[in-house]
Protein backbone atom coordinates (compact mmCIF):
# COMPACT_ATOMS: atom_id res chain seq x y z
CA VAL A 1 0.22 0.19 -0.17
CA ASP A 2 1.39 3.72 -0.96
CA VAL A 3 2.29 5.45 2.19
CA ILE A 4 0.80 8.42 0.24
CA ILE A 5 -2.73 6.46 0.73
CA VAL A 6 -2.40 5.56 4.11
CA ALA A 7 -1.44 9.20 5.22
CA VAL A 8 -4.43 10.64 3.36
CA GLY A 9 -6.81 8.03 5.10
CA LEU A 10 -5.74 8.28 8.31
CA PHE A 11 -5.11 11.97 8.77
CA ALA A 12 -7.68 13.54 6.24
CA VAL A 13 -10.51 11.06 5.62
CA GLY A 14 -10.03 9.71 9.42
CA GLU A 15 -10.15 13.26 10.70
CA THR A 16 -13.00 14.58 8.70
CA LEU A 17 -14.91 11.65 9.58
CA TYR A 18 -14.00 12.23 13.34
CA MET A 19 -14.68 16.02 13.15
CA ALA A 20 -18.09 15.18 11.56
CA SER A 21 -19.43 12.86 13.97
CA ARG A 22 -18.70 15.34 16.54
CA ARG A 23 -20.93 18.05 14.79
CA TYR A 24 -24.33 16.92 16.76
CA ALA A 25 -22.23 16.63 20.34
CA GLY A 26 -22.30 20.14 20.64
CA LYS A 27 -22.16 23.52 18.27
CA ASP A 28 -18.73 25.32 18.47
CA GLU A 29 -19.22 29.07 19.31
CA ILE A 30 -17.13 31.53 16.83
CA VAL A 31 -16.42 34.38 19.49
CA PRO A 32 -16.12 37.59 17.41
CA LEU A 33 -12.83 39.40 17.74
CA LYS A 34 -12.47 42.85 19.46
CA GLY A 35 -10.14 45.54 18.27
CA SER A 36 -7.54 44.94 15.61
CA LEU A 37 -6.53 41.66 13.91
CA TYR A 38 -2.88 42.85 13.90
CA MET A 39 -0.43 42.74 16.80
CA THR A 40 -0.08 46.15 18.74
CA ALA A 41 3.50 47.43 19.81
CA ALA A 42 3.07 46.33 23.31
CA GLU A 43 2.21 42.66 21.98
CA TRP A 44 5.46 42.69 19.97
CA ALA A 45 7.41 44.01 23.11
CA ARG A 46 5.70 40.98 24.94
CA SER A 47 6.53 38.35 22.37
CA TRP A 48 10.10 38.72 21.12
CA LYS A 49 11.61 36.92 24.59
CA PRO A 50 9.21 34.11 24.04
CA TRP A 51 10.16 33.66 20.21
CA LEU A 52 14.05 33.58 21.29
CA ARG A 53 12.92 31.03 24.40
CA GLY A 54 10.67 29.03 21.97
CA ALA A 55 12.99 28.65 19.15
CA ALA A 56 15.92 27.85 21.57
CA ILE A 57 13.63 24.91 23.17
CA GLY A 58 11.90 23.75 20.03
CA PHE A 59 15.29 22.95 17.73
CA PRO A 60 17.37 20.99 20.09
CA ILE A 61 14.19 18.65 21.35
CA GLY A 62 13.06 18.27 17.56
CA ALA A 63 16.36 17.22 16.51
CA MET A 64 16.47 14.28 19.16
CA PRO A 65 15.41 10.89 17.94
CA ALA A 66 12.46 10.55 20.35
CA GLY A 67 11.96 14.51 20.53
CA GLY A 68 8.91 15.54 18.16
CA ALA A 69 7.01 18.73 18.38
CA GLU A 70 4.36 17.94 21.11
CA ILE A 71 7.47 17.96 23.98
CA PRO A 72 8.94 21.61 23.23
CA THR A 73 5.45 22.98 22.60
CA PHE A 74 3.96 21.96 25.99
CA LEU A 75 7.49 22.85 27.66
CA SER A 76 7.79 26.22 26.39
CA TYR A 77 3.82 27.04 27.48
CA ALA A 78 4.80 25.96 30.93
CA ILE A 79 8.06 28.26 31.24
CA GLU A 80 6.40 31.18 29.68
CA LYS A 81 3.55 30.77 31.98
CA LYS A 82 5.99 30.34 34.89
CA LEU A 83 8.37 33.51 33.71
CA SER A 84 5.28 35.89 32.82
CA LYS A 85 4.39 38.91 34.67
CA HIS A 86 0.68 38.46 33.52
CA LYS A 87 0.16 35.05 35.08
CA ASP A 88 -3.60 35.69 35.57
CA GLU A 89 -3.92 36.00 31.62
CA PHE A 90 -3.18 32.40 31.29
CA GLY A 91 -6.27 30.39 30.63
CA THR A 92 -8.70 33.37 30.85
CA VAL A 93 -8.58 36.19 28.58
CA GLY A 94 -5.36 34.74 27.08
CA ALA A 95 -1.73 35.75 27.49
CA ILE A 96 0.22 36.52 24.13
CA GLU A 97 3.32 34.79 25.63
CA GLY A 98 1.13 31.58 25.61
CA VAL A 99 0.85 31.68 22.08
CA ALA A 100 4.32 33.24 20.80
CA GLY A 101 6.62 30.84 22.83
CA PRO A 102 4.80 27.55 21.76
CA GLU A 103 4.44 28.72 18.29
CA ALA A 104 7.73 29.45 17.91
CA ALA A 105 8.78 26.11 19.61
CA ASN A 106 6.44 24.23 17.25
CA ASN A 107 8.19 25.79 14.23
CA ALA A 108 11.77 25.15 15.53
CA SER A 109 11.03 21.67 16.21
CA ALA A 110 9.88 21.17 12.61
CA ALA A 111 13.37 21.97 11.51
CA GLY A 112 14.92 20.06 14.35
CA VAL A 113 13.18 16.66 13.11
CA LEU A 114 15.19 17.05 9.80
CA VAL A 115 18.30 16.55 11.69
CA PRO A 116 17.45 12.57 12.88
CA MET A 117 15.91 12.03 9.44
CA LEU A 118 18.79 13.20 7.34
CA THR A 119 21.49 12.19 9.52
CA LEU A 120 19.97 8.85 10.83
CA GLY A 121 17.24 7.96 8.36
CA LEU A 122 14.78 8.02 11.39
CA PRO A 123 11.72 10.23 11.22
CA THR A 124 10.19 11.54 14.43
CA SER A 125 6.74 12.94 13.06
CA ALA A 126 4.30 12.32 10.36
CA THR A 127 5.80 14.78 8.01
CA ALA A 128 9.30 13.56 8.52
CA ALA A 129 7.91 9.97 7.71
CA ILE A 130 6.50 11.03 4.39
CA MET A 131 9.53 13.27 3.35
CA LEU A 132 11.44 9.87 4.07
CA SER A 133 9.10 7.77 1.99
CA ALA A 134 9.55 10.53 -0.83
CA PHE A 135 13.30 10.18 -0.63
CA GLN A 136 13.08 6.53 -0.97
CA SER A 137 11.00 6.95 -3.97
CA TYR A 138 13.67 8.74 -5.69
CA GLY A 139 16.30 6.18 -4.26
CA ILE A 140 17.67 8.37 -2.18
CA ASN A 141 18.70 6.68 1.59
CA PRO A 142 18.94 9.16 4.21
CA GLY A 143 21.97 8.36 6.72
CA PRO A 144 25.47 9.64 7.39
CA LEU A 145 27.03 9.30 4.00
CA LEU A 146 24.01 11.72 2.70
CA LEU A 147 25.91 14.95 2.95
CA THR A 148 28.59 13.30 0.82
CA THR A 149 26.60 11.91 -1.70
CA GLN A 150 23.58 14.10 -1.82
CA ALA A 151 25.18 17.80 -0.50
CA ASN A 152 23.00 19.73 -2.59
CA LEU A 153 19.90 18.26 -1.60
CA VAL A 154 20.97 18.60 1.99
CA TRP A 155 21.81 22.35 1.52
CA GLY A 156 18.73 23.00 -0.38
CA LEU A 157 16.48 21.71 2.32
CA ILE A 158 18.35 23.80 4.65
CA ALA A 159 17.77 27.03 2.25
CA SER A 160 14.22 26.09 1.98
CA LEU A 161 13.66 26.31 5.73
CA PHE A 162 14.74 30.11 5.90
CA ILE A 163 12.53 30.76 2.46
CA ALA A 164 9.54 28.96 4.03
CA ASN A 165 9.79 31.07 7.10
CA VAL A 166 9.77 34.07 5.01
CA ILE A 167 6.63 32.92 3.24
CA LEU A 168 4.99 32.29 6.38
CA VAL A 169 5.49 35.88 7.53
CA VAL A 170 3.98 37.26 3.99
CA LEU A 171 1.07 34.68 3.91
CA ASN A 172 0.05 35.36 7.68
CA LEU A 173 0.54 38.91 8.64
CA PRO A 174 -1.40 40.60 5.73
CA LEU A 175 -3.64 38.09 5.13
CA ILE A 176 -4.67 37.23 8.47
CA GLY A 177 -8.12 38.77 7.81
CA LEU A 178 -8.97 36.02 4.77
CA TRP A 179 -7.70 32.89 7.13
CA VAL A 180 -10.03 34.14 9.76
CA ARG A 181 -12.96 33.98 7.40
CA LEU A 182 -12.41 30.54 6.72
CA LEU A 183 -14.03 29.74 10.01
CA LYS A 184 -17.30 30.86 8.31
CA ILE A 185 -17.39 28.11 5.94
CA PRO A 186 -20.45 25.89 6.48
CA ALA A 187 -19.11 22.75 8.15
CA PRO A 188 -20.92 19.93 5.76
CA GLN A 189 -19.20 21.81 2.64
CA LEU A 190 -15.94 21.98 4.14
CA TYR A 191 -15.95 18.14 5.06
CA ALA A 192 -17.38 17.30 1.76
CA GLY A 193 -14.58 19.16 0.05
CA ILE A 194 -11.96 17.54 1.78
CA LEU A 195 -13.23 13.98 1.08
CA VAL A 196 -13.46 15.00 -2.55
CA PHE A 197 -10.16 16.30 -2.97
CA ALA A 198 -8.78 13.17 -1.04
CA THR A 199 -10.56 10.84 -3.35
CA VAL A 200 -9.43 12.51 -6.50
CA GLY A 201 -5.80 12.96 -5.31
CA THR A 202 -5.82 9.22 -4.20
CA TYR A 203 -7.52 7.85 -7.74
CA GLY A 204 -4.77 10.03 -9.72
CA ILE A 205 -1.99 7.92 -8.01
CA SER A 206 -2.94 4.91 -10.11
CA GLN A 207 -6.44 5.00 -11.27
CA SER A 208 -7.24 2.28 -9.19
CA PRO A 209 -10.86 1.44 -7.57
CA ILE A 210 -8.94 -0.72 -5.25
CA ASP A 211 -6.97 2.10 -3.73
CA LEU A 212 -10.09 4.11 -3.13
CA ALA A 213 -11.62 1.15 -1.25
CA ILE A 214 -8.41 0.81 0.81
CA LEU A 215 -8.41 4.54 1.56
CA TYR A 216 -11.73 4.77 3.33
CA LEU A 217 -11.00 1.36 5.16
CA LEU A 218 -8.17 3.23 6.46
CA GLY A 219 -10.25 6.26 6.93
CA ALA A 220 -12.67 4.46 8.79
CA ALA A 221 -9.51 2.88 11.04
CA GLY A 222 -8.19 6.56 11.40
CA PHE A 223 -11.53 7.50 12.54
CA LEU A 224 -11.59 4.92 15.31
CA MET A 225 -8.23 5.42 16.33
CA ARG A 226 -9.07 9.12 16.64
CA ARG A 227 -12.37 8.41 18.50
CA PHE A 228 -10.62 6.13 21.31
CA ASP A 229 -7.40 8.41 21.60
CA PHE A 230 -5.04 6.12 19.52
CA PRO A 231 -2.20 8.40 17.92
CA THR A 232 -2.05 7.67 14.01
CA ALA A 233 1.48 9.27 13.23
CA PRO A 234 3.22 5.73 14.41
CA VAL A 235 1.34 4.08 11.73
CA ILE A 236 3.15 6.09 9.05
CA ILE A 237 6.47 5.98 10.95
CA GLY A 238 6.01 2.17 11.28
CA MET A 239 5.12 1.78 7.38
CA ILE A 240 8.43 3.79 6.38
CA LEU A 241 10.68 2.04 9.10
CA GLY A 242 9.00 -1.35 8.95
CA PRO A 243 10.81 -2.57 5.71
CA LEU A 244 13.89 -1.00 6.57
CA ALA A 245 14.18 -2.84 9.78
CA GLU A 246 13.31 -6.08 8.42
CA THR A 247 16.26 -5.63 5.98
CA GLN A 248 18.69 -4.89 8.31
CA PHE A 249 17.17 -7.63 10.66
CA ARG A 250 17.84 -10.29 7.50
CA ARG A 251 21.24 -8.75 6.77
CA ALA A 252 22.36 -9.07 10.74
CA MET A 253 21.03 -12.60 10.86
CA THR A 254 22.73 -13.59 7.71
CA ILE A 255 26.23 -12.30 9.25
CA GLU A 256 25.73 -13.78 12.31
CA ASN A 257 24.44 -17.23 10.76
CA GLY A 258 21.42 -17.09 12.67
CA ASP A 259 22.78 -15.94 16.20
CA TRP A 260 20.22 -14.13 17.89
CA THR A 261 22.73 -12.88 20.47
CA VAL A 262 23.92 -10.38 17.89
CA PHE A 263 20.93 -7.78 19.09
CA PHE A 264 21.97 -8.20 22.71
């Protein structure tokens, strides 16, 4: 099964089914914003230190083989809440530090996850797993020799991180009013659109009806996993690393003539 089909089934179809099932559990209230959509000078002054702290927390933890993005995000929030002079705003009216720090940590960890993926071939997030699958489809195997064999690719990825952050600023700050209006899209039309794009994209891979059946079976599985609080990202990571682990296992057993003690 193509890893793209698994990713779309679990993350797009499964999440859409889950959100649709919760639609009748209670209606979400959209609270109108008061004041300007843009940050004030005081908010900029309160945000720059959390940005720096969040980035300093996010990148090294994201670079750890078991780091990911969740740990630095929650850690940054806890630190900002402890250091803030406006502790009463956390969890009530909202403190800008509680957004600036965790978001900076999340963005920094997204760059950090490339370190174990490129140097060890070990994806620590679903995004990194999909990138690893794309590399493998082109015959590129990340590892210690990647900087020697594919130096242009590695430096291109590093450069793309800087470009991506510039594009994020361009898209988010001037167009924030547009993104807020997306909340006004009726939920049934939004869910239907996601399912249509997921179906068309999956069918376009191999024009196989069997792939569509697999897509929706995986979507149902993703819905159940989401419903009962099972993480879906390890499924993608397991699909990527499973064949690699099997190959290395057979190689080790062949070299050691079937001696299991090689793993201890």
